[in-house]
Amino acid sequence: MAGSELTNVKSPRVKAARRLTKRAFREQDRRFLAEGPQAVREALKLDGVTLELFSTADAELRHPELITEARLKGVPVHRASGEVMSELSQTVTPQGLVAVCTLVHVPLDEALAEQPRLVAVLAHVRDPGNAGTVMRAADAAGADAVVFTDASVDPYNGKCVRASVGSLFHLPVVIGAPVSAAVRQLKERGLRVLAADGTGKHTLDDVDLSGPTAWIFGNEAWGLPEDVLAEADDVVRVPIYGQAESLNLATAAAVCLYSSARAQRVP
C-alpha cells in the first residue's frame, strides 16, 4: 500500500517538488519533473534517475506496473490527492503520475565522443513544445545526440519533457552550448553541418546526406541568424511541392532528420 495520502499542497515534500516547475530551481536543485506514464516509464529504465514518484490512487490502478517497478528500484512512491497532483502537474488535465528526476544532460564532448553520424542542434529555439517534438523526431530517426544551444529553451521545461514523450531519456542531450563551439566540435568530428532554413539555395533533393551530418534548426518565427548560417557548411531548405507557405519547425526538422537517416541506411 502507498500509505497515507498527501493532501496538503503546502507540505514540504509537495513544495520541494512544485518548485521544480521553475527553471532557476531546477538548475539549483539539479532535478526536474517528468509527468505522465510514458515519461515515468522511460525514466525508471535509467538507474538512479528517478528519485521519487507521486501518484493518484486512480493512476495506481491504471499503471500498477510502474508503481511496482518504482518500488522494486527503491523509489519512494507517494500517493497524492487530486489537489496535490494539480499543484505538481503543468497540464490542464493531470495524468496522475509525476516523477522527480535528476538532470540527465551530458557535456558536448561526451555526447560527440562516439563518432556520431546524425546530430540535431537547436539554435535559438524558444517554443518548448516544438523543442520536445524535435527531440522525439531525432530519437525516432536514430540520431546520436541533440544539442540545445545557450539561447534555446530549457529541455527540462515541463511542456518540452511531455512533448519528447520519453525521448529525453533515450539519447544524449546537451544544453547551454554556444552555437560556434558546437559547430566547431561537430566539424572536428567529421560531420557536415547543414543549416535548415527557408533561405537556402539548395533543397533536400539537391544534397548528399549519406555521410555524417549535423542539422541546425532555428527559431520558430524568424529562423536562423546570419552568423549561424555563415558557420554552416551549407544552408538547405525543405522543398514545398504544394501551396503551403512553409512547414513549422518540428515538421521541417522531422523531414530533414529522416532524410539523413534514410540516406545513411541506403546500401
Protein backbone atom coordinates (compact mmCIF):
# COMPACT_ATOMS: atom_id res chain seq x y z
CA MET A 1 0.00 0.00 0.00
CA ALA A 2 1.10 3.58 -0.57
CA GLY A 3 0.38 4.64 3.00
CA SER A 4 -1.39 7.87 3.89
CA GLU A 5 -2.39 10.16 1.07
CA LEU A 6 -0.68 13.51 0.58
CA THR A 7 -3.42 16.12 0.72
CA ASN A 8 -1.63 19.26 1.92
CA VAL A 9 -0.35 21.33 -1.01
CA LYS A 10 1.82 23.29 1.42
CA SER A 11 3.65 20.26 2.81
CA PRO A 12 7.47 20.40 2.48
CA ARG A 13 7.55 17.42 0.13
CA VAL A 14 4.98 18.92 -2.23
CA LYS A 15 6.57 22.37 -2.13
CA ALA A 16 10.00 20.88 -2.87
CA ALA A 17 8.62 19.18 -5.98
CA ARG A 18 6.44 22.12 -7.00
CA ARG A 19 9.42 24.49 -7.11
CA LEU A 20 10.88 22.40 -9.94
CA THR A 21 8.36 23.95 -12.30
CA LYS A 22 10.71 26.97 -12.31
CA ARG A 23 13.96 26.83 -14.30
CA ALA A 24 16.05 28.56 -11.65
CA PHE A 25 15.09 25.96 -9.05
CA ARG A 26 15.64 23.08 -11.47
CA GLU A 27 19.18 24.30 -12.03
CA GLN A 28 19.74 24.89 -8.32
CA ASP A 29 18.38 21.51 -7.19
CA ARG A 30 19.66 19.58 -10.23
CA ARG A 31 16.22 17.99 -10.56
CA PHE A 32 13.17 18.22 -12.80
CA LEU A 33 9.65 16.82 -13.11
CA ALA A 34 8.64 14.13 -15.60
CA GLU A 35 4.88 13.89 -15.97
CA GLY A 36 2.76 11.13 -17.43
CA PRO A 37 3.08 7.35 -17.71
CA GLN A 38 5.39 7.27 -20.74
CA ALA A 39 7.88 9.74 -19.29
CA VAL A 40 7.84 7.91 -15.94
CA ARG A 41 8.28 4.55 -17.68
CA GLU A 42 11.34 5.72 -19.58
CA ALA A 43 12.83 7.48 -16.56
CA LEU A 44 12.56 4.31 -14.49
CA LYS A 45 14.60 2.41 -17.08
CA LEU A 46 17.66 4.50 -16.17
CA ASP A 47 19.21 3.55 -12.86
CA GLY A 48 19.34 6.31 -10.31
CA VAL A 49 17.44 8.89 -12.37
CA THR A 50 14.02 8.68 -10.67
CA LEU A 51 14.22 9.99 -7.11
CA GLU A 52 10.56 9.82 -6.09
CA LEU A 53 7.16 9.28 -7.65
CA PHE A 54 3.83 10.96 -6.95
CA SER A 55 0.72 9.04 -7.99
CA THR A 56 -3.00 9.40 -7.54
CA ALA A 57 -4.99 6.37 -6.40
CA ASP A 58 -6.59 6.18 -9.84
CA ALA A 59 -3.19 6.21 -11.57
CA GLU A 60 -2.03 3.38 -9.30
CA LEU A 61 -4.93 1.29 -10.60
CA ARG A 62 -4.29 2.23 -14.25
CA HIS A 63 -0.50 1.75 -14.16
CA PRO A 64 0.27 -0.83 -11.47
CA GLU A 65 3.39 -1.98 -13.33
CA LEU A 66 5.01 1.44 -12.93
CA ILE A 67 4.24 1.58 -9.22
CA THR A 68 5.67 -1.91 -8.79
CA GLU A 69 8.80 -1.12 -10.78
CA ALA A 70 9.41 2.06 -8.82
CA ARG A 71 9.15 0.24 -5.50
CA LEU A 72 11.40 -2.60 -6.69
CA LYS A 73 14.03 0.01 -7.52
CA GLY A 74 13.71 1.62 -4.13
CA VAL A 75 11.99 4.75 -5.41
CA PRO A 76 9.65 6.26 -2.80
CA VAL A 77 6.06 6.31 -4.07
CA HIS A 78 3.73 8.95 -2.59
CA ARG A 79 0.00 8.66 -3.07
CA ALA A 80 -1.26 12.17 -3.82
CA SER A 81 -4.71 13.69 -3.79
CA GLY A 82 -6.12 15.29 -6.90
CA GLU A 83 -5.45 18.73 -5.44
CA VAL A 84 -1.80 17.92 -4.79
CA MET A 85 -1.41 16.43 -8.27
CA SER A 86 -2.88 19.59 -9.77
CA GLU A 87 -0.18 21.57 -7.98
CA LEU A 88 2.56 19.37 -9.44
CA SER A 89 1.09 18.97 -12.89
CA GLN A 90 1.60 21.55 -15.63
CA THR A 91 -1.30 20.30 -17.73
CA VAL A 92 -4.99 21.17 -17.71
CA THR A 93 -5.87 17.50 -17.20
CA PRO A 94 -3.23 15.82 -15.00
CA GLN A 95 -2.40 12.20 -15.84
CA GLY A 96 -1.88 11.29 -12.21
CA LEU A 97 1.84 10.44 -12.33
CA VAL A 98 4.74 12.82 -11.71
CA ALA A 99 8.32 11.72 -11.10
CA VAL A 100 11.09 13.79 -9.59
CA CYS A 101 14.22 13.05 -11.62
CA THR A 102 17.87 14.01 -11.64
CA LEU A 103 19.10 16.05 -14.61
CA VAL A 104 20.26 13.77 -17.42
CA HIS A 105 22.09 16.05 -19.89
CA VAL A 106 25.74 15.47 -20.74
CA PRO A 107 28.67 17.69 -21.81
CA LEU A 108 29.15 18.31 -25.53
CA ASP A 109 32.44 16.38 -25.59
CA GLU A 110 30.77 13.32 -24.11
CA ALA A 111 27.80 13.47 -26.49
CA LEU A 112 30.12 13.53 -29.52
CA ALA A 113 32.69 11.05 -28.22
CA GLU A 114 31.40 8.00 -30.14
CA GLN A 115 31.77 9.39 -33.68
CA PRO A 116 28.12 10.37 -34.22
CA ARG A 117 26.56 10.20 -37.66
CA LEU A 118 23.42 12.25 -37.05
CA VAL A 119 23.00 15.16 -34.63
CA ALA A 120 20.24 17.75 -34.17
CA VAL A 121 21.22 21.23 -32.99
CA LEU A 122 18.55 23.62 -31.70
CA ALA A 123 19.71 27.22 -32.05
CA HIS A 124 17.51 30.00 -30.62
CA VAL A 125 14.55 27.63 -30.39
CA ARG A 126 12.19 29.05 -27.77
CA ASP A 127 8.96 27.06 -28.02
CA PRO A 128 9.13 24.08 -25.61
CA GLY A 129 6.53 22.06 -27.49
CA ASN A 130 8.47 22.33 -30.73
CA ALA A 131 11.75 21.56 -28.97
CA GLY A 132 10.35 18.45 -27.33
CA THR A 133 8.88 17.26 -30.62
CA VAL A 134 12.26 17.73 -32.33
CA MET A 135 13.83 15.56 -29.61
CA ARG A 136 11.21 12.90 -30.28
CA ALA A 137 11.81 13.08 -34.05
CA ALA A 138 15.59 12.89 -33.54
CA ASP A 139 15.17 9.85 -31.34
CA ALA A 140 12.86 8.16 -33.85
CA ALA A 141 15.27 8.89 -36.71
CA GLY A 142 18.12 7.28 -34.81
CA ALA A 143 20.07 10.46 -34.10
CA ASP A 144 23.09 10.16 -31.84
CA ALA A 145 22.56 13.40 -29.88
CA VAL A 146 20.50 16.57 -29.54
CA VAL A 147 22.23 19.86 -28.71
CA PHE A 148 20.34 22.77 -27.12
CA THR A 149 22.42 25.91 -27.61
CA ASP A 150 22.71 28.57 -24.93
CA ALA A 151 19.94 30.69 -26.46
CA SER A 152 17.38 27.89 -26.62
CA VAL A 153 14.59 26.74 -24.32
CA ASP A 154 15.33 24.55 -21.30
CA PRO A 155 14.74 20.89 -22.30
CA TYR A 156 13.57 20.26 -18.72
CA ASN A 157 10.66 22.66 -19.18
CA GLY A 158 7.52 20.65 -18.40
CA LYS A 159 5.97 21.13 -21.83
CA CYS A 160 9.25 20.16 -23.50
CA VAL A 161 9.56 16.99 -21.41
CA ARG A 162 5.99 15.99 -22.23
CA ALA A 163 6.42 16.70 -25.95
CA SER A 164 9.51 14.49 -26.06
CA VAL A 165 7.32 11.57 -24.86
CA GLY A 166 10.25 9.92 -23.10
CA SER A 167 12.88 10.63 -25.75
CA LEU A 168 14.69 12.93 -23.32
CA PHE A 169 15.80 9.73 -21.57
CA HIS A 170 16.83 7.88 -24.75
CA LEU A 171 19.67 9.82 -26.32
CA PRO A 172 22.43 12.20 -25.18
CA VAL A 173 21.12 15.73 -24.68
CA VAL A 174 23.46 18.72 -24.39
CA ILE A 175 22.34 22.07 -23.01
CA GLY A 176 23.89 25.53 -22.95
CA ALA A 177 26.47 25.04 -25.70
CA PRO A 178 27.37 28.18 -27.71
CA VAL A 179 26.48 27.68 -31.38
CA SER A 180 30.02 28.40 -32.56
CA ALA A 181 31.53 25.89 -30.13
CA ALA A 182 29.03 23.22 -31.13
CA VAL A 183 29.61 23.78 -34.85
CA ARG A 184 33.38 23.69 -34.39
CA GLN A 185 33.32 20.42 -32.48
CA LEU A 186 30.87 18.83 -34.89
CA LYS A 187 33.15 19.66 -37.81
CA GLU A 188 36.17 18.36 -35.90
CA ARG A 189 34.30 15.05 -35.51
CA GLY A 190 33.88 14.88 -39.26
CA LEU A 191 30.22 15.87 -39.52
CA ARG A 192 28.92 18.06 -42.29
CA VAL A 193 26.95 20.88 -40.66
CA LEU A 194 23.76 21.85 -42.50
CA ALA A 195 21.54 24.76 -41.53
CA ALA A 196 17.85 24.12 -42.20
CA ASP A 197 16.44 27.44 -43.39
CA GLY A 198 13.92 28.67 -45.92
CA THR A 199 16.54 30.96 -47.46
CA GLY A 200 18.70 28.06 -48.60
CA LYS A 201 19.70 27.90 -52.27
CA HIS A 202 19.75 24.11 -52.13
CA THR A 203 16.87 21.80 -51.24
CA LEU A 204 16.88 18.37 -49.65
CA ASP A 205 16.63 16.95 -53.17
CA ASP A 206 19.95 18.55 -54.11
CA VAL A 207 22.27 17.50 -51.29
CA ASP A 208 24.06 14.26 -50.50
CA LEU A 209 23.03 13.21 -46.99
CA SER A 210 24.74 9.83 -46.89
CA GLY A 211 27.65 10.99 -44.71
CA PRO A 212 27.74 12.04 -41.03
CA THR A 213 25.52 15.10 -40.73
CA ALA A 214 24.51 17.66 -38.12
CA TRP A 215 21.36 19.70 -38.71
CA ILE A 216 20.91 23.16 -37.17
CA PHE A 217 17.30 24.19 -36.61
CA GLY A 218 16.36 27.76 -35.74
CA ASN A 219 13.71 29.89 -34.13
CA GLU A 220 10.08 29.18 -34.99
CA ALA A 221 9.33 32.74 -36.11
CA TRP A 222 12.49 34.15 -37.67
CA GLY A 223 14.69 31.17 -38.47
CA LEU A 224 18.45 31.23 -38.07
CA PRO A 225 20.52 34.41 -37.68
CA GLU A 226 23.06 35.32 -40.35
CA ASP A 227 26.08 34.47 -38.20
CA VAL A 228 24.81 30.93 -37.66
CA LEU A 229 24.04 30.48 -41.36
CA ALA A 230 27.59 31.63 -42.14
CA GLU A 231 29.09 28.96 -39.87
CA ALA A 232 27.26 26.09 -41.56
CA ASP A 233 28.76 24.13 -44.44
CA ASP A 234 25.56 24.66 -46.41
CA VAL A 235 22.07 26.12 -46.00
CA VAL A 236 19.31 23.73 -47.05
CA ARG A 237 15.57 24.20 -47.35
CA VAL A 238 12.77 21.67 -47.40
CA PRO A 239 11.12 21.80 -50.83
CA ILE A 240 7.46 22.83 -50.85
CA TYR A 241 5.61 20.99 -53.61
CA GLY A 242 2.14 22.26 -52.75
CA GLN A 243 0.75 25.66 -51.85
CA ALA A 244 1.68 25.81 -48.16
CA GLU A 245 3.86 28.80 -47.34
CA SER A 246 6.15 26.78 -45.07
CA LEU A 247 6.43 23.97 -42.54
CA ASN A 248 6.62 24.51 -38.81
CA LEU A 249 9.89 23.83 -37.04
CA ALA A 250 9.11 20.37 -35.70
CA THR A 251 7.75 19.12 -39.03
CA ALA A 252 10.69 20.50 -41.01
CA ALA A 253 13.13 19.00 -38.52
CA ALA A 254 11.48 15.59 -38.81
CA VAL A 255 11.71 15.72 -42.61
CA CYS A 256 15.40 16.70 -42.51
CA LEU A 257 16.37 14.13 -39.90
CA TYR A 258 14.54 11.30 -41.63
CA SER A 259 16.03 12.28 -44.99
CA SER A 260 19.51 11.92 -43.46
CA ALA A 261 18.60 8.70 -41.66
CA ARG A 262 17.29 7.15 -44.84
CA ALA A 263 20.26 8.27 -46.94
CA GLN A 264 22.67 6.83 -44.39
CA ARG A 265 20.91 3.49 -44.48
CA VAL A 266 20.63 3.00 -48.24
CA PRO A 267 23.20 0.37 -49.36
